[in-house]
């Protein structure tokens, strides 16, 4: 258990941040799933729009520090590759 006031504050802060960061990661996952569903359906227009929505979400996740830069790059690259294969 935390003894110092600073450690107690740190625990409170970490709990708040974990909740916020979890919501951010969940939001990114939702966008990625929507893009994957659009790619699965074979509808190129819907997939293009979904991919355009995923890219800024991934970039925001990287900027906020909840997703690693290479992870975001890999996800976007693989989604783009699948989109190109549709056409």
Protein backbone atom coordinates (compact mmCIF):
# COMPACT_ATOMS: atom_id res chain seq x y z
CA UNK A 1 0.00 0.00 0.00
CA UNK A 2 1.18 3.51 -0.79
CA UNK A 3 2.49 5.44 2.20
CA UNK A 4 3.39 8.86 0.87
CA UNK A 5 0.86 11.44 -0.38
CA UNK A 6 2.64 11.48 -3.72
CA UNK A 7 2.30 7.70 -4.12
CA UNK A 8 -1.40 7.89 -3.22
CA UNK A 9 -1.91 10.63 -5.79
CA UNK A 10 0.01 8.59 -8.36
CA UNK A 11 -2.34 5.63 -7.81
CA UNK A 12 -5.39 7.86 -8.30
CA UNK A 13 -3.88 9.38 -11.42
CA UNK A 14 -2.92 5.97 -12.86
CA UNK A 15 -6.47 4.68 -12.41
CA UNK A 16 -7.92 7.67 -14.26
CA UNK A 17 -5.38 7.42 -17.08
CA UNK A 18 -5.89 3.67 -17.46
CA UNK A 19 -9.61 4.24 -17.98
CA UNK A 20 -9.02 6.97 -20.56
CA UNK A 21 -6.32 5.02 -22.39
CA UNK A 22 -8.47 1.88 -22.42
CA UNK A 23 -11.28 3.85 -24.05
CA UNK A 24 -8.84 5.18 -26.66
CA UNK A 25 -7.56 1.72 -27.52
CA UNK A 26 -11.13 0.42 -27.69
CA UNK A 27 -12.11 3.20 -30.06
CA UNK A 28 -9.16 2.37 -32.33
CA UNK A 29 -10.10 -1.33 -32.27
CA UNK A 30 -13.66 -0.47 -33.27
CA UNK A 31 -12.50 1.55 -36.27
CA UNK A 32 -10.12 -1.24 -37.34
CA UNK A 33 -12.91 -3.84 -37.04
CA UNK A 34 -15.23 -1.68 -39.16
CA UNK A 35 -12.51 -1.41 -41.82
CA UNK A 36 -11.92 -5.17 -41.73
CA UNK A 37 -15.66 -5.82 -42.07
CA UNK A 38 -15.83 -3.48 -45.05
CA UNK A 39 -12.88 -5.28 -46.65
CA UNK A 40 -14.52 -8.66 -46.00
CA UNK A 41 -17.72 -7.52 -47.70
CA UNK A 42 -15.77 -6.72 -50.86
CA UNK A 43 -17.28 -3.23 -51.19
CA UNK A 44 -14.35 -1.11 -52.31
CA UNK A 45 -16.05 2.26 -51.70
CA UNK A 46 -17.04 1.38 -48.14
CA UNK A 47 -13.59 -0.07 -47.48
CA UNK A 48 -11.93 3.11 -48.77
CA UNK A 49 -14.06 5.28 -46.48
CA UNK A 50 -13.44 2.99 -43.51
CA UNK A 51 -9.70 3.03 -44.15
CA UNK A 52 -9.76 6.83 -44.36
CA UNK A 53 -11.38 6.85 -40.91
CA UNK A 54 -8.89 4.37 -39.42
CA UNK A 55 -5.75 6.27 -40.36
CA UNK A 56 -6.29 9.39 -38.19
CA UNK A 57 -7.47 7.23 -35.27
CA UNK A 58 -4.28 5.17 -35.40
CA UNK A 59 -2.18 8.33 -35.71
CA UNK A 60 -3.97 9.85 -32.70
CA UNK A 61 -3.30 6.67 -30.72
CA UNK A 62 0.39 6.95 -31.52
CA UNK A 63 0.44 10.64 -30.58
CA UNK A 64 -1.26 9.91 -27.25
CA UNK A 65 1.14 7.04 -26.55
CA UNK A 66 -1.42 4.21 -26.33
CA UNK A 67 -0.30 2.47 -29.54
CA UNK A 68 3.28 1.90 -30.63
CA UNK A 69 4.28 3.68 -33.83
CA UNK A 70 5.31 0.48 -35.59
CA UNK A 71 2.10 -1.29 -34.56
CA UNK A 72 -0.03 1.47 -36.07
CA UNK A 73 2.09 1.48 -39.20
CA UNK A 74 1.80 -2.30 -39.54
CA UNK A 75 -1.99 -2.29 -39.08
CA UNK A 76 -2.52 0.49 -41.61
CA UNK A 77 -0.14 -1.13 -44.08
CA UNK A 78 -1.92 -4.48 -43.91
CA UNK A 79 -5.34 -2.89 -44.28
CA UNK A 80 -4.14 -0.87 -47.27
CA UNK A 81 -2.66 -3.98 -48.84
CA UNK A 82 -6.03 -5.74 -48.53
CA UNK A 83 -7.79 -2.72 -50.07
CA UNK A 84 -5.43 -2.72 -53.06
CA UNK A 85 -6.05 -6.46 -53.51
CA UNK A 86 -9.79 -5.72 -53.84
CA UNK A 87 -9.25 -3.46 -56.83
